[in-house]
Amino acid sequence: MTSTSEARRYPPSEPYESGMLDVGDGHSLYWEVLGNPDGKPAVALHGGPGSGSSPRMRTLFDPDRYRVVLFDQRNAGRSTPSATDPVVDLSANTTQHLIADIEALREHLGIERWLVEGGSWGVTLALAYAQAHPERVTEMVLAAVTDGDRRDTDWITRDMGRVFPREWDRFRDGVPSAERDGDLAAAYNRLLHDPDPQVRATAAHEWCLWEDTHMSLAPDAEPFLSVAEPAFQLAFARLVTHYWSHGCFLEERQLLRDLERLHGIPAVLIHGRYDVSAPLGTAWALHRAWPGSELVVLDDTGHGGGSMTAAIIAATDRFARGQTAG
């Protein structure tokens, strides 16, 4: 059966241009452009960190009105080197590196300003990028709102055990006993770089199983990460734990503190009422501090699914017509 969100997607379109961009530090980013070459520029930032871009992201924009840019962030998707490499070095993969990468891609494509769209981790990255380069952002569409604070990653990795106690016990017990009372993201990150491939694979699966668990409250939620290919699980888990164990390379409350840099940029914030992974309070706090923003709370979804896709498309359609939020 086709869901409402699937019915509201634009038909998939193939990129008319793609390539690899050398951004230094031994990294090359896969990028693609689709839609109307003369359309309104937009860049879509994938989640994770580490999910990589997907063809489904192409369907969130009217291809007749938008020139859409997608890319795989460092070590993710088709970008190189891949986080699946046994000896991958993630030291040159930080939020600041990704912000610089977005700017390098914008300049490479000759785009002056663009709409920035992101989901989940893509929201955190979008906010950090826009605060660093507000003059380059025309509007923002942000779904499943996160801001990268340690208190939120602590909520997911530890406090959520009160919501899913049986599943959390398994998640916690996936690391050595001496590390179970510490930073679980850091403990998993060490396992994910263990010399033994079986240790790495087991840690990746356990991490992805927990991710699927805490994103499961929405009525139509289905497992995704825990049933993905082992190589994808490894890359995803390595990048998430790398970022979370370093506080997403942001100061605590940084994005809320510096929100005044985004005043004047129209934005639509979209969040599911059943999102226990990223509680609604973060989206509410950002909306309250951001004149010109609109908060759309969906009563049928959590961290995705339900009517979220339809709400994203409604926002991109509105901005394509030149209408502001609110």
C-alpha atoms as a PDB file:
ATOM      1  CA  MET A   1       0.000   0.000   0.000  1.00  0.00           C
ATOM      2  CA  THR A   2       1.287   3.489  -0.851  1.00  0.00           C
ATOM      3  CA  SER A   3       1.491   5.820   2.134  1.00  0.00           C
ATOM      4  CA  THR A   4       0.526   9.484   2.067  1.00  0.00           C
ATOM      5  CA  SER A   5       4.183  10.469   2.223  1.00  0.00           C
ATOM      6  CA  GLU A   6       5.051   8.285  -0.763  1.00  0.00           C
ATOM      7  CA  ALA A   7       2.139   9.679  -2.773  1.00  0.00           C
ATOM      8  CA  ARG A   8       3.349  13.229  -2.216  1.00  0.00           C
ATOM      9  CA  ARG A   9       6.856  12.685  -3.573  1.00  0.00           C
ATOM     10  CA  TYR A  10       7.879  14.121  -6.914  1.00  0.00           C
ATOM     11  CA  PRO A  11       8.755  11.524  -9.549  1.00  0.00           C
ATOM     12  CA  PRO A  12      12.409  10.486  -9.315  1.00  0.00           C
ATOM     13  CA  SER A  13      14.700  12.298 -11.741  1.00  0.00           C
ATOM     14  CA  GLU A  14      18.247  11.425 -12.713  1.00  0.00           C
ATOM     15  CA  PRO A  15      21.133  13.867 -12.180  1.00  0.00           C
ATOM     16  CA  TYR A  16      22.189  15.806 -15.250  1.00  0.00           C
ATOM     17  CA  GLU A  17      25.628  16.406 -13.747  1.00  0.00           C
ATOM     18  CA  SER A  18      27.782  14.603 -11.165  1.00  0.00           C
ATOM     19  CA  GLY A  19      31.382  14.256 -10.129  1.00  0.00           C
ATOM     20  CA  MET A  20      33.994  13.956  -7.394  1.00  0.00           C
ATOM     21  CA  LEU A  21      35.333  17.082  -5.666  1.00  0.00           C
ATOM     22  CA  ASP A  22      38.771  17.066  -4.046  1.00  0.00           C
ATOM     23  CA  VAL A  23      38.391  18.915  -0.746  1.00  0.00           C
ATOM     24  CA  GLY A  24      41.834  18.209   0.661  1.00  0.00           C
ATOM     25  CA  ASP A  25      43.056  16.008   3.501  1.00  0.00           C
ATOM     26  CA  GLY A  26      42.883  13.080   1.068  1.00  0.00           C
ATOM     27  CA  HIS A  27      39.084  13.404   0.779  1.00  0.00           C
ATOM     28  CA  SER A  28      36.947  13.500  -2.367  1.00  0.00           C
ATOM     29  CA  LEU A  29      33.199  14.113  -2.229  1.00  0.00           C
ATOM     30  CA  TYR A  30      30.640  12.571  -4.552  1.00  0.00           C
ATOM     31  CA  TRP A  31      28.117  15.175  -5.720  1.00  0.00           C
ATOM     32  CA  GLU A  32      25.215  15.366  -8.170  1.00  0.00           C
ATOM     33  CA  VAL A  33      22.881  18.003  -9.554  1.00  0.00           C
ATOM     34  CA  LEU A  34      19.347  17.409 -10.839  1.00  0.00           C
ATOM     35  CA  GLY A  35      16.212  19.290 -11.776  1.00  0.00           C
ATOM     36  CA  ASN A  36      16.175  22.533 -13.763  1.00  0.00           C
ATOM     37  CA  PRO A  37      19.649  24.007 -14.519  1.00  0.00           C
ATOM     38  CA  ASP A  38      18.034  27.461 -14.365  1.00  0.00           C
ATOM     39  CA  GLY A  39      15.933  26.703 -11.295  1.00  0.00           C
ATOM     40  CA  LYS A  40      16.167  27.889  -7.709  1.00  0.00           C
ATOM     41  CA  PRO A  41      19.369  26.461  -6.160  1.00  0.00           C
ATOM     42  CA  ALA A  42      18.997  24.133  -3.189  1.00  0.00           C
ATOM     43  CA  VAL A  43      21.334  21.795  -1.315  1.00  0.00           C
ATOM     44  CA  ALA A  44      20.055  18.781   0.624  1.00  0.00           C
ATOM     45  CA  LEU A  45      22.104  17.556   3.596  1.00  0.00           C
ATOM     46  CA  HIS A  46      21.763  13.899   4.546  1.00  0.00           C
ATOM     47  CA  GLY A  47      21.481  12.579   8.070  1.00  0.00           C
ATOM     48  CA  GLY A  48      23.478  10.193  10.165  1.00  0.00           C
ATOM     49  CA  PRO A  49      26.174  11.393  10.273  1.00  0.00           C
ATOM     50  CA  GLY A  50      27.081   8.779   7.700  1.00  0.00           C
ATOM     51  CA  SER A  51      23.810   7.888   5.978  1.00  0.00           C
ATOM     52  CA  GLY A  52      24.902   9.233   2.598  1.00  0.00           C
ATOM     53  CA  SER A  53      22.580  10.822   0.071  1.00  0.00           C
ATOM     54  CA  SER A  54      19.860   8.701  -1.543  1.00  0.00           C
ATOM     55  CA  PRO A  55      17.606   8.818  -4.603  1.00  0.00           C
ATOM     56  CA  ARG A  56      14.653   9.427  -2.251  1.00  0.00           C
ATOM     57  CA  MET A  57      16.135  12.822  -1.401  1.00  0.00           C
ATOM     58  CA  ARG A  58      15.789  13.807  -5.069  1.00  0.00           C
ATOM     59  CA  THR A  59      12.006  13.568  -4.817  1.00  0.00           C
ATOM     60  CA  LEU A  60      11.588  16.323  -2.192  1.00  0.00           C
ATOM     61  CA  PHE A  61      11.900  19.169  -4.722  1.00  0.00           C
ATOM     62  CA  ASP A  62       9.895  20.178  -7.800  1.00  0.00           C
ATOM     63  CA  PRO A  63      12.345  19.324 -10.608  1.00  0.00           C
ATOM     64  CA  ASP A  64      10.856  22.035 -12.820  1.00  0.00           C
ATOM     65  CA  ARG A  65      11.532  24.766 -10.262  1.00  0.00           C
ATOM     66  CA  TYR A  66      14.683  23.678  -8.443  1.00  0.00           C
ATOM     67  CA  ARG A  67      18.330  23.066  -9.235  1.00  0.00           C
ATOM     68  CA  VAL A  68      19.006  20.484  -6.527  1.00  0.00           C
ATOM     69  CA  VAL A  69      22.480  19.614  -5.233  1.00  0.00           C
ATOM     70  CA  LEU A  70      23.086  16.387  -3.305  1.00  0.00           C
ATOM     71  CA  PHE A  71      26.403  15.114  -2.000  1.00  0.00           C
ATOM     72  CA  ASP A  72      27.848  12.458   0.284  1.00  0.00           C
ATOM     73  CA  GLN A  73      29.594  13.901   3.333  1.00  0.00           C
ATOM     74  CA  ARG A  74      33.156  12.876   4.179  1.00  0.00           C
ATOM     75  CA  ASN A  75      33.711   9.114   4.455  1.00  0.00           C
ATOM     76  CA  ALA A  76      30.019   8.422   3.635  1.00  0.00           C
ATOM     77  CA  GLY A  77      28.286   6.962   0.598  1.00  0.00           C
ATOM     78  CA  ARG A  78      30.335   7.264  -2.569  1.00  0.00           C
ATOM     79  CA  SER A  79      32.796   9.781  -1.123  1.00  0.00           C
ATOM     80  CA  THR A  80      36.335   8.574  -0.548  1.00  0.00           C
ATOM     81  CA  PRO A  81      37.966   7.262   1.516  1.00  0.00           C
ATOM     82  CA  SER A  82      35.037   5.198   2.779  1.00  0.00           C
ATOM     83  CA  ALA A  83      34.361   4.620   6.460  1.00  0.00           C
ATOM     84  CA  THR A  84      34.121   0.931   5.540  1.00  0.00           C
ATOM     85  CA  ASP A  85      37.899   0.807   4.988  1.00  0.00           C
ATOM     86  CA  PRO A  86      39.536  -1.284   7.743  1.00  0.00           C
ATOM     87  CA  VAL A  87      42.068   1.423   8.628  1.00  0.00           C
ATOM     88  CA  VAL A  88      39.958   4.511   7.933  1.00  0.00           C
ATOM     89  CA  ASP A  89      41.242   7.719   9.567  1.00  0.00           C
ATOM     90  CA  LEU A  90      38.410  10.004  10.673  1.00  0.00           C
ATOM     91  CA  SER A  91      40.607  12.746  12.151  1.00  0.00           C
ATOM     92  CA  ALA A  92      39.900  15.094   9.202  1.00  0.00           C
ATOM     93  CA  ASN A  93      36.141  14.619   9.499  1.00  0.00           C
ATOM     94  CA  THR A  94      34.594  17.257  11.763  1.00  0.00           C
ATOM     95  CA  THR A  95      31.651  19.635  11.556  1.00  0.00           C
ATOM     96  CA  GLN A  96      34.056  22.399  10.594  1.00  0.00           C
ATOM     97  CA  HIS A  97      35.438  20.281   7.743  1.00  0.00           C
ATOM     98  CA  LEU A  98      31.903  19.616   6.488  1.00  0.00           C
ATOM     99  CA  ILE A  99      31.015  23.318   6.592  1.00  0.00           C
ATOM    100  CA  ALA A 100      34.082  24.063   4.473  1.00  0.00           C
ATOM    101  CA  ASP A 101      33.121  21.232   2.109  1.00  0.00           C
ATOM    102  CA  ILE A 102      29.656  22.712   1.537  1.00  0.00           C
ATOM    103  CA  GLU A 103      31.210  26.065   0.683  1.00  0.00           C
ATOM    104  CA  ALA A 104      33.753  24.426  -1.643  1.00  0.00           C
ATOM    105  CA  LEU A 105      30.935  22.623  -3.460  1.00  0.00           C
ATOM    106  CA  ARG A 106      28.862  25.799  -3.746  1.00  0.00           C
ATOM    107  CA  GLU A 107      31.809  27.658  -5.269  1.00  0.00           C
ATOM    108  CA  HIS A 108      32.642  24.718  -7.552  1.00  0.00           C
ATOM    109  CA  LEU A 109      29.094  24.789  -8.967  1.00  0.00           C
ATOM    110  CA  GLY A 110      29.032  28.575  -9.319  1.00  0.00           C
ATOM    111  CA  ILE A 111      26.050  29.050  -7.006  1.00  0.00           C
ATOM    112  CA  GLU A 112      25.734  32.403  -5.236  1.00  0.00           C
ATOM    113  CA  ARG A 113      23.042  31.528  -2.683  1.00  0.00           C
ATOM    114  CA  TRP A 114      20.844  28.515  -2.061  1.00  0.00           C
ATOM    115  CA  LEU A 115      18.048  27.027   0.011  1.00  0.00           C
ATOM    116  CA  VAL A 116      19.404  24.575   2.592  1.00  0.00           C
ATOM    117  CA  GLU A 117      17.372  21.460   3.425  1.00  0.00           C
ATOM    118  CA  GLY A 118      18.333  18.826   5.974  1.00  0.00           C
ATOM    119  CA  GLY A 119      16.966  16.028   8.120  1.00  0.00           C
ATOM    120  CA  SER A 120      18.097  14.840  11.575  1.00  0.00           C
ATOM    121  CA  TRP A 121      21.916  15.242  11.652  1.00  0.00           C
ATOM    122  CA  GLY A 122      21.441  17.201   8.421  1.00  0.00           C
ATOM    123  CA  VAL A 123      19.602  19.821  10.513  1.00  0.00           C
ATOM    124  CA  THR A 124      22.550  20.216  12.895  1.00  0.00           C
ATOM    125  CA  LEU A 125      24.925  20.564   9.949  1.00  0.00           C
ATOM    126  CA  ALA A 126      22.556  22.955   8.154  1.00  0.00           C
ATOM    127  CA  LEU A 127      22.339  25.216  11.213  1.00  0.00           C
ATOM    128  CA  ALA A 128      26.111  25.189  11.702  1.00  0.00           C
ATOM    129  CA  TYR A 129      26.703  25.954   8.014  1.00  0.00           C
ATOM    130  CA  ALA A 130      24.117  28.728   7.902  1.00  0.00           C
ATOM    131  CA  GLN A 131      25.511  30.364  11.034  1.00  0.00           C
ATOM    132  CA  ALA A 132      28.974  30.318   9.482  1.00  0.00           C
ATOM    133  CA  HIS A 133      27.745  31.622   6.102  1.00  0.00           C
ATOM    134  CA  PRO A 134      24.329  33.295   6.546  1.00  0.00           C
ATOM    135  CA  GLU A 135      24.863  35.410   3.446  1.00  0.00           C
ATOM    136  CA  ARG A 136      24.786  32.233   1.326  1.00  0.00           C
ATOM    137  CA  VAL A 137      21.425  30.933   2.585  1.00  0.00           C
ATOM    138  CA  THR A 138      18.088  32.020   1.124  1.00  0.00           C
ATOM    139  CA  GLU A 139      15.734  29.772   3.146  1.00  0.00           C
ATOM    140  CA  MET A 140      15.894  26.632   5.274  1.00  0.00           C
ATOM    141  CA  VAL A 141      13.717  23.518   5.488  1.00  0.00           C
ATOM    142  CA  LEU A 142      14.657  21.431   8.534  1.00  0.00           C
ATOM    143  CA  ALA A 143      12.979  18.122   9.435  1.00  0.00           C
ATOM    144  CA  ALA A 144      13.436  15.961  12.570  1.00  0.00           C
ATOM    145  CA  VAL A 145      15.232  18.820  14.291  1.00  0.00           C
ATOM    146  CA  THR A 146      18.503  18.195  16.148  1.00  0.00           C
ATOM    147  CA  ASP A 147      21.232  20.551  17.340  1.00  0.00           C
ATOM    148  CA  GLY A 148      24.094  18.202  18.252  1.00  0.00           C
ATOM    149  CA  ASP A 149      24.165  18.948  21.985  1.00  0.00           C
ATOM    150  CA  ARG A 150      25.751  16.368  24.269  1.00  0.00           C
ATOM    151  CA  ARG A 151      22.673  16.367  26.464  1.00  0.00           C
ATOM    152  CA  ASP A 152      20.719  15.030  23.462  1.00  0.00           C
ATOM    153  CA  THR A 153      23.245  12.336  22.607  1.00  0.00           C
ATOM    154  CA  ASP A 154      23.367  11.399  26.307  1.00  0.00           C
ATOM    155  CA  TRP A 155      19.585  11.158  26.167  1.00  0.00           C
ATOM    156  CA  ILE A 156      19.769   8.687  23.276  1.00  0.00           C
ATOM    157  CA  THR A 157      22.654   6.586  24.543  1.00  0.00           C
ATOM    158  CA  ARG A 158      21.779   6.470  28.251  1.00  0.00           C
ATOM    159  CA  ASP A 159      18.591   8.180  29.461  1.00  0.00           C
ATOM    160  CA  MET A 160      16.456   6.432  26.830  1.00  0.00           C
ATOM    161  CA  GLY A 161      17.027   3.249  28.793  1.00  0.00           C
ATOM    162  CA  ARG A 162      14.044   4.334  30.879  1.00  0.00           C
ATOM    163  CA  VAL A 163      11.854   4.116  27.762  1.00  0.00           C
ATOM    164  CA  PHE A 164      13.299   0.895  26.325  1.00  0.00           C
ATOM    165  CA  PRO A 165      14.925  -0.830  29.327  1.00  0.00           C
ATOM    166  CA  ARG A 166      15.298  -4.332  27.877  1.00  0.00           C
ATOM    167  CA  GLU A 167      16.736  -3.103  24.583  1.00  0.00           C
ATOM    168  CA  TRP A 168      19.021  -0.604  26.313  1.00  0.00           C
ATOM    169  CA  ASP A 169      20.465  -3.303  28.559  1.00  0.00           C
ATOM    170  CA  ARG A 170      21.489  -5.189  25.424  1.00  0.00           C
ATOM    171  CA  PHE A 171      22.913  -2.008  23.903  1.00  0.00           C
ATOM    172  CA  ARG A 172      24.923  -1.202  27.032  1.00  0.00           C
ATOM    173  CA  ASP A 173      26.145  -4.771  27.372  1.00  0.00           C
ATOM    174  CA  GLY A 174      27.558  -4.599  23.861  1.00  0.00           C
ATOM    175  CA  VAL A 175      30.657  -2.851  25.270  1.00  0.00           C
ATOM    176  CA  PRO A 176      33.185  -4.182  27.828  1.00  0.00           C
ATOM    177  CA  SER A 177      31.923  -4.036  31.422  1.00  0.00           C
ATOM    178  CA  ALA A 178      34.570  -1.492  32.419  1.00  0.00           C
ATOM    179  CA  GLU A 179      33.143   1.005  29.901  1.00  0.00           C
ATOM    180  CA  ARG A 180      29.422   0.577  30.535  1.00  0.00           C
ATOM    181  CA  ASP A 181      29.166   3.529  32.940  1.00  0.00           C
ATOM    182  CA  GLY A 182      31.062   5.910  30.645  1.00  0.00           C
ATOM    183  CA  ASP A 183      30.615   7.390  27.188  1.00  0.00           C
ATOM    184  CA  LEU A 184      28.872   4.596  25.298  1.00  0.00           C
ATOM    185  CA  ALA A 185      29.365   6.287  21.918  1.00  0.00           C
ATOM    186  CA  ALA A 186      33.120   6.420  22.534  1.00  0.00           C
ATOM    187  CA  ALA A 187      33.159   2.799  23.726  1.00  0.00           C
ATOM    188  CA  TYR A 188      31.348   1.630  20.608  1.00  0.00           C
ATOM    189  CA  ASN A 189      33.657   3.751  18.460  1.00  0.00           C
ATOM    190  CA  ARG A 190      36.658   1.884  19.821  1.00  0.00           C
ATOM    191  CA  LEU A 191      35.009  -1.465  19.049  1.00  0.00           C
ATOM    192  CA  LEU A 192      34.163  -0.279  15.548  1.00  0.00           C
ATOM    193  CA  HIS A 193      37.888   0.221  14.892  1.00  0.00           C
ATOM    194  CA  ASP A 194      38.987  -3.054  16.474  1.00  0.00           C
ATOM    195  CA  PRO A 195      41.478  -5.101  14.394  1.00  0.00           C
ATOM    196  CA  ASP A 196      39.071  -8.074  14.473  1.00  0.00           C
ATOM    197  CA  PRO A 197      36.461  -7.730  11.673  1.00  0.00           C
ATOM    198  CA  GLN A 198      33.933  -9.785  13.658  1.00  0.00           C
ATOM    199  CA  VAL A 199      34.198  -7.405  16.623  1.00  0.00           C
ATOM    200  CA  ARG A 200      33.628  -4.477  14.266  1.00  0.00           C
ATOM    201  CA  ALA A 201      30.638  -6.140  12.572  1.00  0.00           C
ATOM    202  CA  THR A 202      28.988  -7.107  15.861  1.00  0.00           C
ATOM    203  CA  ALA A 203      29.403  -3.609  17.302  1.00  0.00           C
ATOM    204  CA  ALA A 204      27.987  -2.050  14.135  1.00  0.00           C
ATOM    205  CA  HIS A 205      24.924  -4.308  14.220  1.00  0.00           C
ATOM    206  CA  GLU A 206      24.272  -3.674  17.919  1.00  0.00           C
ATOM    207  CA  TRP A 207      24.560   0.084  17.415  1.00  0.00           C
ATOM    208  CA  CYS A 208      22.152   0.000  14.458  1.00  0.00           C
ATOM    209  CA  LEU A 209      19.710  -2.225  16.362  1.00  0.00           C
ATOM    210  CA  TRP A 210      19.568   0.359  19.159  1.00  0.00           C
ATOM    211  CA  GLU A 211      19.091   3.185  16.639  1.00  0.00           C
ATOM    212  CA  ASP A 212      16.118   1.356  15.113  1.00  0.00           C
ATOM    213  CA  THR A 213      14.696   0.791  18.601  1.00  0.00           C
ATOM    214  CA  HIS A 214      14.640   4.408  19.704  1.00  0.00           C
ATOM    215  CA  MET A 215      13.197   5.562  16.380  1.00  0.00           C
ATOM    216  CA  SER A 216      10.304   3.084  16.603  1.00  0.00           C
ATOM    217  CA  LEU A 217       7.457   4.928  18.327  1.00  0.00           C
ATOM    218  CA  ALA A 218       5.734   6.218  15.178  1.00  0.00           C
ATOM    219  CA  PRO A 219       2.826   4.004  14.057  1.00  0.00           C
ATOM    220  CA  ASP A 220       4.402   3.175  10.669  1.00  0.00           C
ATOM    221  CA  ALA A 221       8.014   2.765  11.855  1.00  0.00           C
ATOM    222  CA  GLU A 222       9.927  -0.188  10.390  1.00  0.00           C
ATOM    223  CA  PRO A 223      13.509  -1.379  10.997  1.00  0.00           C
ATOM    224  CA  PHE A 224      15.989   0.180   8.601  1.00  0.00           C
ATOM    225  CA  LEU A 225      19.521   0.331   9.949  1.00  0.00           C
ATOM    226  CA  SER A 226      19.553  -3.079  11.645  1.00  0.00           C
ATOM    227  CA  VAL A 227      18.560  -4.813   8.396  1.00  0.00           C
ATOM    228  CA  ALA A 228      20.938  -2.845   6.164  1.00  0.00           C
ATOM    229  CA  GLU A 229      24.025  -4.308   4.519  1.00  0.00           C
ATOM    230  CA  PRO A 230      26.879  -4.916   7.001  1.00  0.00           C
ATOM    231  CA  ALA A 231      29.175  -2.502   5.131  1.00  0.00           C
ATOM    232  CA  PHE A 232      26.607   0.287   5.451  1.00  0.00           C
ATOM    233  CA  GLN A 233      26.081  -0.511   9.139  1.00  0.00           C
ATOM    234  CA  LEU A 234      29.822  -0.256   9.778  1.00  0.00           C
ATOM    235  CA  ALA A 235      30.255   3.077   7.975  1.00  0.00           C
ATOM    236  CA  PHE A 236      27.134   4.552   9.574  1.00  0.00           C
ATOM    237  CA  ALA A 237      28.004   3.437  13.109  1.00  0.00           C
ATOM    238  CA  ARG A 238      31.620   4.569  12.822  1.00  0.00           C
ATOM    239  CA  LEU A 239      30.638   8.070  11.733  1.00  0.00           C
ATOM    240  CA  VAL A 240      27.809   8.516  14.240  1.00  0.00           C
ATOM    241  CA  THR A 241      29.957   7.396  17.163  1.00  0.00           C
ATOM    242  CA  HIS A 242      32.866   9.526  15.914  1.00  0.00           C
ATOM    243  CA  TYR A 243      30.694  12.638  15.981  1.00  0.00           C
ATOM    244  CA  TRP A 244      28.770  11.856  19.155  1.00  0.00           C
ATOM    245  CA  SER A 245      31.872  10.989  21.167  1.00  0.00           C
ATOM    246  CA  HIS A 246      33.283  14.410  20.205  1.00  0.00           C
ATOM    247  CA  GLY A 247      30.153  16.417  20.993  1.00  0.00           C
ATOM    248  CA  CYS A 248      29.532  16.821  17.247  1.00  0.00           C
ATOM    249  CA  PHE A 249      32.575  19.139  17.321  1.00  0.00           C
ATOM    250  CA  LEU A 250      30.377  21.941  18.656  1.00  0.00           C
ATOM    251  CA  GLU A 251      30.291  23.836  21.921  1.00  0.00           C
ATOM    252  CA  GLU A 252      27.354  22.929  24.121  1.00  0.00           C
ATOM    253  CA  ARG A 253      24.258  24.965  23.133  1.00  0.00           C
ATOM    254  CA  GLN A 254      26.327  26.660  20.411  1.00  0.00           C
ATOM    255  CA  LEU A 255      23.681  26.574  17.705  1.00  0.00           C
ATOM    256  CA  LEU A 256      20.972  27.993  19.953  1.00  0.00           C
ATOM    257  CA  ARG A 257      23.392  30.594  21.349  1.00  0.00           C
ATOM    258  CA  ASP A 258      24.340  31.857  17.883  1.00  0.00           C
ATOM    259  CA  LEU A 259      20.864  31.689  16.375  1.00  0.00           C
ATOM    260  CA  GLU A 260      20.706  35.459  15.951  1.00  0.00           C
ATOM    261  CA  ARG A 261      22.997  35.007  12.951  1.00  0.00           C
ATOM    262  CA  LEU A 262      20.011  33.415  11.179  1.00  0.00           C
ATOM    263  CA  HIS A 263      17.546  36.187  11.927  1.00  0.00           C
ATOM    264  CA  GLY A 264      16.010  37.257   8.646  1.00  0.00           C
ATOM    265  CA  ILE A 265      16.389  33.818   7.006  1.00  0.00           C
ATOM    266  CA  PRO A 266      12.931  32.242   6.501  1.00  0.00           C
ATOM    267  CA  ALA A 267      12.760  28.702   7.841  1.00  0.00           C
ATOM    268  CA  VAL A 268      10.301  25.853   8.292  1.00  0.00           C
ATOM    269  CA  LEU A 269      11.053  23.469  11.165  1.00  0.00           C
ATOM    270  CA  ILE A 270       9.212  20.139  10.879  1.00  0.00           C
ATOM    271  CA  HIS A 271       9.041  17.700  13.782  1.00  0.00           C
ATOM    272  CA  GLY A 272       7.105  14.594  14.738  1.00  0.00           C
ATOM    273  CA  ARG A 273       5.239  14.548  18.035  1.00  0.00           C
ATOM    274  CA  TYR A 274       6.255  10.886  18.509  1.00  0.00           C
ATOM    275  CA  ASP A 275       9.959  11.629  18.049  1.00  0.00           C
ATOM    276  CA  VAL A 276      11.493  10.228  21.228  1.00  0.00           C
ATOM    277  CA  SER A 277      14.973  10.188  19.639  1.00  0.00           C
ATOM    278  CA  ALA A 278      15.005  13.964  19.361  1.00  0.00           C
ATOM    279  CA  PRO A 279      12.337  15.353  21.714  1.00  0.00           C
ATOM    280  CA  LEU A 280      10.256  18.262  20.473  1.00  0.00           C
ATOM    281  CA  GLY A 281      11.810  20.655  23.006  1.00  0.00           C
ATOM    282  CA  THR A 282      14.846  21.281  20.790  1.00  0.00           C
ATOM    283  CA  ALA A 283      12.719  22.345  17.819  1.00  0.00           C
ATOM    284  CA  TRP A 284      10.554  24.468  20.116  1.00  0.00           C
ATOM    285  CA  ALA A 285      13.552  26.289  21.627  1.00  0.00           C
ATOM    286  CA  LEU A 286      15.011  27.049  18.192  1.00  0.00           C
ATOM    287  CA  HIS A 287      11.655  28.271  16.897  1.00  0.00           C
ATOM    288  CA  ARG A 288      11.116  30.539  19.905  1.00  0.00           C
ATOM    289  CA  ALA A 289      14.531  32.151  19.383  1.00  0.00           C
ATOM    290  CA  TRP A 290      14.267  32.463  15.589  1.00  0.00           C
ATOM    291  CA  PRO A 291      12.082  35.249  14.212  1.00  0.00           C
ATOM    292  CA  GLY A 292      10.790  34.290  10.789  1.00  0.00           C
ATOM    293  CA  SER A 293      10.718  30.577  11.532  1.00  0.00           C
ATOM    294  CA  GLU A 294       7.638  28.372  11.433  1.00  0.00           C
ATOM    295  CA  LEU A 295       7.316  25.190  13.486  1.00  0.00           C
ATOM    296  CA  VAL A 296       5.194  22.408  12.007  1.00  0.00           C
ATOM    297  CA  VAL A 297       4.404  19.647  14.516  1.00  0.00           C
ATOM    298  CA  LEU A 298       3.133  16.413  12.961  1.00  0.00           C
ATOM    299  CA  ASP A 299       0.783  14.217  14.968  1.00  0.00           C
ATOM    300  CA  ASP A 300       1.354  11.044  12.946  1.00  0.00           C
ATOM    301  CA  THR A 301       5.099  10.569  12.972  1.00  0.00           C
ATOM    302  CA  GLY A 302       8.289  10.281  14.994  1.00  0.00           C
ATOM    303  CA  HIS A 303      11.810  10.781  13.624  1.00  0.00           C
ATOM    304  CA  GLY A 304      10.474  10.202  10.106  1.00  0.00           C
ATOM    305  CA  GLY A 305       7.638   8.572   8.198  1.00  0.00           C
ATOM    306  CA  GLY A 306       3.980   9.538   8.333  1.00  0.00           C
ATOM    307  CA  SER A 307       3.319  12.937   6.785  1.00  0.00           C
ATOM    308  CA  MET A 308       6.885  14.230   7.185  1.00  0.00           C
ATOM    309  CA  THR A 309       7.734  13.933   3.506  1.00  0.00           C
ATOM    310  CA  ALA A 310       4.544  15.752   2.556  1.00  0.00           C
ATOM    311  CA  ALA A 311       5.403  18.548   5.006  1.00  0.00           C
ATOM    312  CA  ILE A 312       8.928  18.907   3.577  1.00  0.00           C
ATOM    313  CA  ILE A 313       7.563  19.109   0.033  1.00  0.00           C
ATOM    314  CA  ALA A 314       4.923  21.647   1.085  1.00  0.00           C
ATOM    315  CA  ALA A 315       7.739  23.839   2.421  1.00  0.00           C
ATOM    316  CA  THR A 316       9.994  23.507  -0.629  1.00  0.00           C
ATOM    317  CA  ASP A 317       6.991  24.164  -2.891  1.00  0.00           C
ATOM    318  CA  ARG A 318       6.159  27.294  -0.932  1.00  0.00           C
ATOM    319  CA  PHE A 319       9.695  28.657  -1.186  1.00  0.00           C
ATOM    320  CA  ALA A 320       9.799  27.807  -4.898  1.00  0.00           C
ATOM    321  CA  ARG A 321       6.785  30.075  -5.321  1.00  0.00           C
ATOM    322  CA  GLY A 322       8.555  32.854  -3.446  1.00  0.00           C
ATOM    323  CA  GLN A 323       6.363  32.579  -0.353  1.00  0.00           C
ATOM    324  CA  THR A 324       7.964  32.911   3.082  1.00  0.00           C
ATOM    325  CA  ALA A 325       7.363  30.893   6.217  1.00  0.00           C
ATOM    326  CA  GLY A 326       4.819  31.804   8.828  1.00  0.00           C
END
